[in-house]
Amino acid sequence: MPTPVTIIGAGLGGLALARVLHVHGIPARIYEADPSAEARTQGGQLDIHEHDGQLALEAAGLTDEFRAIIHEGGEASRALDQHGKVLLDEPDDGNGGRPEVLRGDLRRILLESLPAETIQWGKKLTGVAALGDGRHRLTFADGSTVSTELLVGADGAWSKVRPLLSDAVPEYVGTTFIETYLYDVDERHSATAEAVGGGAMYALTPGKGITAHREAGNILHTYVQLKRPAEWIAGIDFTDAAATARLAAEFDGWAPELTALITDGETAPVPRMIYALPDGHRWGRTPGVTLLGDAAHLMPPSGDGANLAMFDGAELGKAIAAHPDHIETALTAYEEELFSRSESAAAQAHLVLELCLGDGAPFGLIDLITGAPEGAREGAVQP
């Protein structure tokens, strides 16, 4: 009898796990706090990497569906100084190494690949109790309970499952991204659209920057990046129109086509404080439970988070399929690989954040994008 798997969280990682298990004929049940798949927006564009995200989708049997949702031209990259001068302009070469897709589209193809009964919506986990022998009882906000022999926490940064395995809690890394959007940009915001180009745009200086992605549907999705204490962020009421002026003041003197990404924003600015788990986060083998994605290895955003979550889910699904009657063997093998790749990815994520906003910005990130050797720009004139 295939081992039933209980997954907390219907994000990309949990869905990838359920799909790979389904491919191998192993039943799974996902419990998700959101009341439906459409309950909230699913974020912006993701670049899906050959070495992890694309492999996960291949294991899920969804490569064709993935190829159908790619935003052609989205791999282009450019870097500008704060005056709008172009420092780097790399077009999308079409090689497909890191094609861009909308997170919502990616989630949709995963959802559509699962039997309808796989996901229980509106199930917010409020408590987990160990019952012994690797079994756990889950309690939900609606008062319902369920027992499981194999529990997977795919429930993100503030995982309710993680405390079963680890005392680690996420800590603020000192940087916040503030999110906003512009719509119908080629007609209504043409100068800004031209500055951003066809893919990703980075305008970075030490301690602060503006990044934007052109998304399908003539949309610019912006993250204003600031190295500021948590108290500084808490002192801004982002529901007040004055918040936009407060943010724009941080970029006084910057090119208007760049600051328009803030001042002309057509959605209220939303702060995303960046948290991370401790470097090298791992735990001892605990029967009947494991983690994936941000629940396991929350780190600063560097383009790897969604890829890693899907890859975790696929690798865990394959391990369970390889050892359906020896689940602890499967979990041990999965976690050994998980810890190794997570530690490496977290180190890279912290490095990317430093390249973006550290003393060497923007040239450190430019060298990373172009593959220039470290130190190649020593003595370069800063913008």
Foldseek 3Di string as FASTA:
>chain_A
DFFEEEEEALALLSLLLQLLLVVLVHHYAYEYQAQDLVRDDDDFKFWAAPVFQCVSCVSSVCNVLVVVFFDPFAVWEWEAALALHTPDTGTDPPPSRTTMGTSSSSSVVSCVSDDPRRYDYNWAWDAWDDPPPQKIWTAGPVGDIDIHNAYEYAPAQQTRQLVVWDPWHWDFPQKKWKKFKDAPCCPPLVLLDVSCPAHKYWHFAAFWTKIWGQHPRRMIIIITMGRHDPVVVVVDDLVDPCNLVVSLVVSPPGHPSRNCVRVVTPDGIDMDGAIWTDQLDDGDQDHRYYYAANSGTRAADDSCRSSRSSRLSSQLSVLCSVCSPCNSSSVVVSRVVVSVVSNVVRVVRVVCVCCRHNNPPPVSVVCVVVVPDPPPCVPPDHD
